[in-house]
């Protein structure tokens, strides 16, 4: 297992080394989750849920006008 060091700032922010950011596609705004593991802390990128990332992809694609217009209606 490769070990790479990061730095914690005086404000408690963690600097993730660029090699790891590139490898795991972590960029500004990427959310991470911290998991307590046996001998330390695991840090994992948290990618958007597929359902959340798909929200709104059909907007404006020819749906019946009353459905697009009435977005707040209850669907039973």
PDB file of N, CA and C in Angstrom:
ATOM      1  N   UNK A   1       0.840  -1.172   0.000  1.00  0.00           N
ATOM      2  CA  UNK A   1       0.000   0.000   0.000  1.00  0.00           C
ATOM      3  C   UNK A   1       0.890   1.242   0.000  1.00  0.00           C
ATOM      4  N   UNK A   2       0.618   2.139  -0.907  1.00  0.00           N
ATOM      5  CA  UNK A   2       1.389   3.377  -1.032  1.00  0.00           C
ATOM      6  C   UNK A   2       0.980   4.366   0.061  1.00  0.00           C
ATOM      7  N   UNK A   3       1.951   4.997   0.682  1.00  0.00           N
ATOM      8  CA  UNK A   3       1.672   6.015   1.691  1.00  0.00           C
ATOM      9  C   UNK A   3       2.076   7.379   1.164  1.00  0.00           C
ATOM     10  N   UNK A   4       1.144   8.320   1.255  1.00  0.00           N
ATOM     11  CA  UNK A   4       1.399   9.695   0.837  1.00  0.00           C
ATOM     12  C   UNK A   4       0.916  10.596   1.963  1.00  0.00           C
ATOM     13  N   UNK A   5       1.703  11.573   2.341  1.00  0.00           N
ATOM     14  CA  UNK A   5       1.336  12.462   3.425  1.00  0.00           C
ATOM     15  C   UNK A   5       0.582  13.681   2.927  1.00  0.00           C
ATOM     16  N   UNK A   6      -0.343  14.144   3.753  1.00  0.00           N
ATOM     17  CA  UNK A   6      -1.055  15.388   3.511  1.00  0.00           C
ATOM     18  C   UNK A   6      -0.777  16.316   4.679  1.00  0.00           C
ATOM     19  N   UNK A   7      -1.381  17.481   4.676  1.00  0.00           N
ATOM     20  CA  UNK A   7      -1.154  18.471   5.720  1.00  0.00           C
ATOM     21  C   UNK A   7      -2.497  18.951   6.249  1.00  0.00           C
ATOM     22  N   UNK A   8      -2.597  19.087   7.570  1.00  0.00           N
ATOM     23  CA  UNK A   8      -3.764  19.695   8.187  1.00  0.00           C
ATOM     24  C   UNK A   8      -3.390  21.131   8.538  1.00  0.00           C
ATOM     25  N   UNK A   9      -4.217  22.089   8.091  1.00  0.00           N
ATOM     26  CA  UNK A   9      -3.926  23.503   8.350  1.00  0.00           C
ATOM     27  C   UNK A   9      -4.344  23.893   9.758  1.00  0.00           C
ATOM     28  N   UNK A  10      -4.027  25.110  10.152  1.00  0.00           N
ATOM     29  CA  UNK A  10      -4.399  25.606  11.476  1.00  0.00           C
ATOM     30  C   UNK A  10      -5.914  25.694  11.651  1.00  0.00           C
ATOM     31  N   UNK A  11      -6.646  25.736  10.540  1.00  0.00           N
ATOM     32  CA  UNK A  11      -8.110  25.771  10.591  1.00  0.00           C
ATOM     33  C   UNK A  11      -8.715  24.371  10.557  1.00  0.00           C
ATOM     34  N   UNK A  12      -7.877  23.339  10.565  1.00  0.00           N
ATOM     35  CA  UNK A  12      -8.374  21.971  10.552  1.00  0.00           C
ATOM     36  C   UNK A  12      -8.698  21.456   9.159  1.00  0.00           C
ATOM     37  N   UNK A  13      -8.295  22.179   8.125  1.00  0.00           N
ATOM     38  CA  UNK A  13      -8.540  21.745   6.750  1.00  0.00           C
ATOM     39  C   UNK A  13      -7.455  20.771   6.332  1.00  0.00           C
ATOM     40  N   UNK A  14      -7.845  19.777   5.557  1.00  0.00           N
ATOM     41  CA  UNK A  14      -6.911  18.749   5.101  1.00  0.00           C
ATOM     42  C   UNK A  14      -6.514  19.016   3.660  1.00  0.00           C
ATOM     43  N   UNK A  15      -5.220  19.057   3.395  1.00  0.00           N
ATOM     44  CA  UNK A  15      -4.712  19.216   2.036  1.00  0.00           C
ATOM     45  C   UNK A  15      -4.450  17.826   1.480  1.00  0.00           C
ATOM     46  N   UNK A  16      -5.180  17.465   0.422  1.00  0.00           N
ATOM     47  CA  UNK A  16      -5.015  16.158  -0.218  1.00  0.00           C
ATOM     48  C   UNK A  16      -3.973  16.313  -1.323  1.00  0.00           C
ATOM     49  N   UNK A  17      -2.930  15.516  -1.297  1.00  0.00           N
ATOM     50  CA  UNK A  17      -1.880  15.640  -2.315  1.00  0.00           C
ATOM     51  C   UNK A  17      -2.430  15.499  -3.734  1.00  0.00           C
ATOM     52  N   UNK A  18      -1.837  16.243  -4.671  1.00  0.00           N
ATOM     53  CA  UNK A  18      -2.339  16.279  -6.051  1.00  0.00           C
ATOM     54  C   UNK A  18      -2.352  14.894  -6.701  1.00  0.00           C
ATOM     55  N   UNK A  19      -1.378  14.064  -6.384  1.00  0.00           N
ATOM     56  CA  UNK A  19      -1.340  12.713  -6.952  1.00  0.00           C
ATOM     57  C   UNK A  19      -2.619  11.935  -6.617  1.00  0.00           C
ATOM     58  N   UNK A  20      -3.084  12.074  -5.389  1.00  0.00           N
ATOM     59  CA  UNK A  20      -4.317  11.388  -4.983  1.00  0.00           C
ATOM     60  C   UNK A  20      -5.556  12.074  -5.559  1.00  0.00           C
ATOM     61  N   UNK A  21      -5.542  13.411  -5.626  1.00  0.00           N
ATOM     62  CA  UNK A  21      -6.687  14.115  -6.225  1.00  0.00           C
ATOM     63  C   UNK A  21      -6.875  13.696  -7.672  1.00  0.00           C
ATOM     64  N   UNK A  22      -5.776  13.564  -8.415  1.00  0.00           N
ATOM     65  CA  UNK A  22      -5.867  13.147  -9.817  1.00  0.00           C
ATOM     66  C   UNK A  22      -6.338  11.701  -9.928  1.00  0.00           C
ATOM     67  N   UNK A  23      -5.772  10.822  -9.113  1.00  0.00           N
ATOM     68  CA  UNK A  23      -6.106   9.399  -9.166  1.00  0.00           C
ATOM     69  C   UNK A  23      -7.587   9.143  -8.880  1.00  0.00           C
ATOM     70  N   UNK A  24      -8.145   9.897  -7.929  1.00  0.00           N
ATOM     71  CA  UNK A  24      -9.524   9.666  -7.515  1.00  0.00           C
ATOM     72  C   UNK A  24     -10.495  10.736  -8.000  1.00  0.00           C
ATOM     73  N   UNK A  25     -10.060  11.520  -8.971  1.00  0.00           N
ATOM     74  CA  UNK A  25     -10.913  12.525  -9.602  1.00  0.00           C
ATOM     75  C   UNK A  25     -11.553  13.457  -8.570  1.00  0.00           C
ATOM     76  N   UNK A  26     -10.734  13.980  -7.675  1.00  0.00           N
ATOM     77  CA  UNK A  26     -11.189  14.904  -6.644  1.00  0.00           C
ATOM     78  C   UNK A  26     -10.803  16.314  -7.073  1.00  0.00           C
ATOM     79  N   UNK A  27     -11.794  17.186  -7.151  1.00  0.00           N
ATOM     80  CA  UNK A  27     -11.529  18.571  -7.532  1.00  0.00           C
ATOM     81  C   UNK A  27     -12.243  19.480  -6.539  1.00  0.00           C
ATOM     82  N   UNK A  28     -12.092  20.775  -6.728  1.00  0.00           N
ATOM     83  CA  UNK A  28     -12.735  21.739  -5.832  1.00  0.00           C
ATOM     84  C   UNK A  28     -14.228  21.453  -5.764  1.00  0.00           C
ATOM     85  N   UNK A  29     -14.753  21.376  -4.576  1.00  0.00           N
ATOM     86  CA  UNK A  29     -16.183  21.126  -4.395  1.00  0.00           C
ATOM     87  C   UNK A  29     -16.545  19.661  -4.220  1.00  0.00           C
ATOM     88  N   UNK A  30     -15.606  18.738  -4.466  1.00  0.00           N
ATOM     89  CA  UNK A  30     -15.901  17.320  -4.258  1.00  0.00           C
ATOM     90  C   UNK A  30     -16.099  17.088  -2.767  1.00  0.00           C
ATOM     91  N   UNK A  31     -17.198  16.460  -2.413  1.00  0.00           N
ATOM     92  CA  UNK A  31     -17.465  16.144  -1.012  1.00  0.00           C
ATOM     93  C   UNK A  31     -16.722  14.870  -0.657  1.00  0.00           C
ATOM     94  N   UNK A  32     -16.268  14.787   0.565  1.00  0.00           N
ATOM     95  CA  UNK A  32     -15.593  13.582   1.041  1.00  0.00           C
ATOM     96  C   UNK A  32     -16.282  13.113   2.311  1.00  0.00           C
ATOM     97  N   UNK A  33     -16.107  11.840   2.617  1.00  0.00           N
ATOM     98  CA  UNK A  33     -16.640  11.315   3.871  1.00  0.00           C
ATOM     99  C   UNK A  33     -15.491  10.744   4.673  1.00  0.00           C
ATOM    100  N   UNK A  34     -15.574  10.910   5.970  1.00  0.00           N
ATOM    101  CA  UNK A  34     -14.556  10.424   6.885  1.00  0.00           C
ATOM    102  C   UNK A  34     -15.136   9.234   7.627  1.00  0.00           C
ATOM    103  N   UNK A  35     -14.388   8.136   7.667  1.00  0.00           N
ATOM    104  CA  UNK A  35     -14.847   6.918   8.316  1.00  0.00           C
ATOM    105  C   UNK A  35     -13.806   6.507   9.352  1.00  0.00           C
ATOM    106  N   UNK A  36     -14.269   6.297  10.586  1.00  0.00           N
ATOM    107  CA  UNK A  36     -13.361   5.812  11.625  1.00  0.00           C
ATOM    108  C   UNK A  36     -13.075   4.339  11.343  1.00  0.00           C
ATOM    109  N   UNK A  37     -11.795   4.005  11.166  1.00  0.00           N
ATOM    110  CA  UNK A  37     -11.394   2.622  10.941  1.00  0.00           C
ATOM    111  C   UNK A  37     -10.526   2.187  12.120  1.00  0.00           C
ATOM    112  N   UNK A  38     -10.145   0.935  12.133  1.00  0.00           N
ATOM    113  CA  UNK A  38      -9.463   0.370  13.299  1.00  0.00           C
ATOM    114  C   UNK A  38      -8.292   1.192  13.811  1.00  0.00           C
ATOM    115  N   UNK A  39      -7.404   1.605  12.936  1.00  0.00           N
ATOM    116  CA  UNK A  39      -6.206   2.310  13.378  1.00  0.00           C
ATOM    117  C   UNK A  39      -6.104   3.738  12.850  1.00  0.00           C
ATOM    118  N   UNK A  40      -7.223   4.366  12.545  1.00  0.00           N
ATOM    119  CA  UNK A  40      -7.127   5.720  12.021  1.00  0.00           C
ATOM    120  C   UNK A  40      -8.425   6.208  11.409  1.00  0.00           C
ATOM    121  N   UNK A  41      -8.290   6.976  10.338  1.00  0.00           N
ATOM    122  CA  UNK A  41      -9.433   7.588   9.660  1.00  0.00           C
ATOM    123  C   UNK A  41      -9.323   7.302   8.164  1.00  0.00           C
ATOM    124  N   UNK A  42     -10.396   6.812   7.567  1.00  0.00           N
ATOM    125  CA  UNK A  42     -10.452   6.644   6.117  1.00  0.00           C
ATOM    126  C   UNK A  42     -11.124   7.870   5.506  1.00  0.00           C
ATOM    127  N   UNK A  43     -10.575   8.376   4.426  1.00  0.00           N
ATOM    128  CA  UNK A  43     -11.148   9.532   3.727  1.00  0.00           C
ATOM    129  C   UNK A  43     -11.523   9.073   2.327  1.00  0.00           C
ATOM    130  N   UNK A  44     -12.803   9.226   1.969  1.00  0.00           N
ATOM    131  CA  UNK A  44     -13.300   8.714   0.697  1.00  0.00           C
ATOM    132  C   UNK A  44     -14.059   9.797  -0.052  1.00  0.00           C
ATOM    133  N   UNK A  45     -13.830   9.927  -1.365  1.00  0.00           N
ATOM    134  CA  UNK A  45     -14.636  10.875  -2.139  1.00  0.00           C
ATOM    135  C   UNK A  45     -16.079  10.404  -2.149  1.00  0.00           C
ATOM    136  N   UNK A  46     -16.994  11.336  -2.062  1.00  0.00           N
ATOM    137  CA  UNK A  46     -18.419  11.008  -2.094  1.00  0.00           C
ATOM    138  C   UNK A  46     -18.975  11.537  -3.408  1.00  0.00           C
ATOM    139  N   UNK A  47     -19.229  10.629  -4.338  1.00  0.00           N
ATOM    140  CA  UNK A  47     -19.741  11.023  -5.641  1.00  0.00           C
ATOM    141  C   UNK A  47     -21.248  11.136  -5.581  1.00  0.00           C
ATOM    142  N   UNK A  48     -21.823  11.972  -6.426  1.00  0.00           N
ATOM    143  CA  UNK A  48     -23.267  12.199  -6.437  1.00  0.00           C
ATOM    144  C   UNK A  48     -24.016  10.896  -6.672  1.00  0.00           C
ATOM    145  N   UNK A  49     -25.127  10.749  -5.949  1.00  0.00           N
ATOM    146  CA  UNK A  49     -25.990   9.587  -6.185  1.00  0.00           C
ATOM    147  C   UNK A  49     -26.522   9.658  -7.603  1.00  0.00           C
ATOM    148  N   UNK A  50     -26.669   8.518  -8.224  1.00  0.00           N
ATOM    149  CA  UNK A  50     -27.126   8.507  -9.615  1.00  0.00           C
ATOM    150  C   UNK A  50     -28.508   9.122  -9.745  1.00  0.00           C
ATOM    151  N   UNK A  51     -29.372   8.968  -8.752  1.00  0.00           N
ATOM    152  CA  UNK A  51     -30.712   9.552  -8.816  1.00  0.00           C
ATOM    153  C   UNK A  51     -30.613  11.068  -8.747  1.00  0.00           C
ATOM    154  N   UNK A  52     -29.817  11.597  -7.809  1.00  0.00           N
ATOM    155  CA  UNK A  52     -29.672  13.044  -7.689  1.00  0.00           C
ATOM    156  C   UNK A  52     -29.030  13.652  -8.924  1.00  0.00           C
ATOM    157  N   UNK A  53     -28.048  12.958  -9.503  1.00  0.00           N
ATOM    158  CA  UNK A  53     -27.362  13.522 -10.663  1.00  0.00           C
ATOM    159  C   UNK A  53     -28.250  13.507 -11.910  1.00  0.00           C
ATOM    160  N   UNK A  54     -29.288  12.677 -11.919  1.00  0.00           N
ATOM    161  CA  UNK A  54     -30.193  12.600 -13.072  1.00  0.00           C
ATOM    162  C   UNK A  54     -31.348  13.593 -12.977  1.00  0.00           C
ATOM    163  N   UNK A  55     -31.477  14.251 -11.844  1.00  0.00           N
ATOM    164  CA  UNK A  55     -32.593  15.176 -11.631  1.00  0.00           C
ATOM    165  C   UNK A  55     -32.612  16.275 -12.692  1.00  0.00           C
ATOM    166  N   UNK A  56     -33.742  16.417 -13.358  1.00  0.00           N
ATOM    167  CA  UNK A  56     -33.931  17.492 -14.307  1.00  0.00           C
ATOM    168  C   UNK A  56     -33.443  17.226 -15.723  1.00  0.00           C
ATOM    169  N   UNK A  57     -32.941  16.019 -16.023  1.00  0.00           N
ATOM    170  CA  UNK A  57     -32.377  15.781 -17.349  1.00  0.00           C
ATOM    171  C   UNK A  57     -33.435  15.732 -18.446  1.00  0.00           C
ATOM    172  N   UNK A  58     -34.702  15.524 -18.069  1.00  0.00           N
ATOM    173  CA  UNK A  58     -35.761  15.464 -19.070  1.00  0.00           C
ATOM    174  C   UNK A  58     -36.505  16.789 -19.243  1.00  0.00           C
ATOM    175  N   UNK A  59     -36.125  17.800 -18.479  1.00  0.00           N
ATOM    176  CA  UNK A  59     -36.806  19.093 -18.552  1.00  0.00           C
ATOM    177  C   UNK A  59     -36.736  19.658 -19.964  1.00  0.00           C
ATOM    178  N   UNK A  60     -37.897  20.037 -20.474  1.00  0.00           N
ATOM    179  CA  UNK A  60     -37.960  20.683 -21.773  1.00  0.00           C
ATOM    180  C   UNK A  60     -37.835  19.745 -22.963  1.00  0.00           C
ATOM    181  N   UNK A  61     -38.021  18.447 -22.761  1.00  0.00           N
ATOM    182  CA  UNK A  61     -37.875  17.506 -23.870  1.00  0.00           C
ATOM    183  C   UNK A  61     -39.220  17.026 -24.408  1.00  0.00           C
ATOM    184  N   UNK A  62     -40.171  17.928 -24.485  1.00  0.00           N
ATOM    185  CA  UNK A  62     -41.438  17.591 -25.111  1.00  0.00           C
ATOM    186  C   UNK A  62     -42.435  16.896 -24.205  1.00  0.00           C
ATOM    187  N   UNK A  63     -42.312  17.051 -22.911  1.00  0.00           N
ATOM    188  CA  UNK A  63     -43.315  16.508 -22.013  1.00  0.00           C
ATOM    189  C   UNK A  63     -44.594  17.316 -22.170  1.00  0.00           C
ATOM    190  N   UNK A  64     -45.729  16.723 -21.844  1.00  0.00           N
ATOM    191  CA  UNK A  64     -46.981  17.481 -21.947  1.00  0.00           C
ATOM    192  C   UNK A  64     -46.869  18.781 -21.159  1.00  0.00           C
ATOM    193  N   UNK A  65     -47.345  19.885 -21.721  1.00  0.00           N
ATOM    194  CA  UNK A  65     -47.181  21.205 -21.099  1.00  0.00           C
ATOM    195  C   UNK A  65     -47.722  21.283 -19.681  1.00  0.00           C
ATOM    196  N   UNK A  66     -48.840  20.591 -19.400  1.00  0.00           N
ATOM    197  CA  UNK A  66     -49.417  20.673 -18.060  1.00  0.00           C
ATOM    198  C   UNK A  66     -48.514  20.022 -17.003  1.00  0.00           C
ATOM    199  N   UNK A  67     -47.715  19.040 -17.384  1.00  0.00           N
ATOM    200  CA  UNK A  67     -46.796  18.413 -16.436  1.00  0.00           C
ATOM    201  C   UNK A  67     -45.642  19.356 -16.132  1.00  0.00           C
ATOM    202  N   UNK A  68     -45.059  19.961 -17.149  1.00  0.00           N
ATOM    203  CA  UNK A  68     -43.955  20.891 -16.934  1.00  0.00           C
ATOM    204  C   UNK A  68     -44.408  22.129 -16.167  1.00  0.00           C
ATOM    205  N   UNK A  69     -45.610  22.604 -16.463  1.00  0.00           N
ATOM    206  CA  UNK A  69     -46.114  23.819 -15.846  1.00  0.00           C
ATOM    207  C   UNK A  69     -46.440  23.602 -14.366  1.00  0.00           C
ATOM    208  N   UNK A  70     -46.944  22.405 -14.012  1.00  0.00           N
ATOM    209  CA  UNK A  70     -47.409  22.130 -12.664  1.00  0.00           C
ATOM    210  C   UNK A  70     -46.445  21.206 -11.945  1.00  0.00           C
ATOM    211  N   UNK A  71     -45.219  21.680 -11.712  1.00  0.00           N
ATOM    212  CA  UNK A  71     -44.194  20.854 -11.092  1.00  0.00           C
ATOM    213  C   UNK A  71     -44.471  20.549  -9.632  1.00  0.00           C
ATOM    214  N   UNK A  72     -45.309  21.330  -8.963  1.00  0.00           N
ATOM    215  CA  UNK A  72     -45.567  21.149  -7.536  1.00  0.00           C
ATOM    216  C   UNK A  72     -46.782  20.247  -7.260  1.00  0.00           C
ATOM    217  N   UNK A  73     -47.394  19.707  -8.282  1.00  0.00           N
ATOM    218  CA  UNK A  73     -48.610  18.887  -8.050  1.00  0.00           C
ATOM    219  C   UNK A  73     -48.249  17.554  -7.417  1.00  0.00           C
ATOM    220  N   UNK A  74     -49.205  16.984  -6.696  1.00  0.00           N
ATOM    221  CA  UNK A  74     -49.009  15.660  -6.081  1.00  0.00           C
ATOM    222  C   UNK A  74     -49.211  14.585  -7.125  1.00  0.00           C
ATOM    223  N   UNK A  75     -48.361  13.604  -7.103  1.00  0.00           N
ATOM    224  CA  UNK A  75     -48.505  12.463  -8.007  1.00  0.00           C
ATOM    225  C   UNK A  75     -48.924  11.282  -7.148  1.00  0.00           C
ATOM    226  N   UNK A  76     -50.108  10.748  -7.436  1.00  0.00           N
ATOM    227  CA  UNK A  76     -50.625   9.626  -6.626  1.00  0.00           C
ATOM    228  C   UNK A  76     -50.427   8.313  -7.305  1.00  0.00           C
TER     229      UNK A  76
END
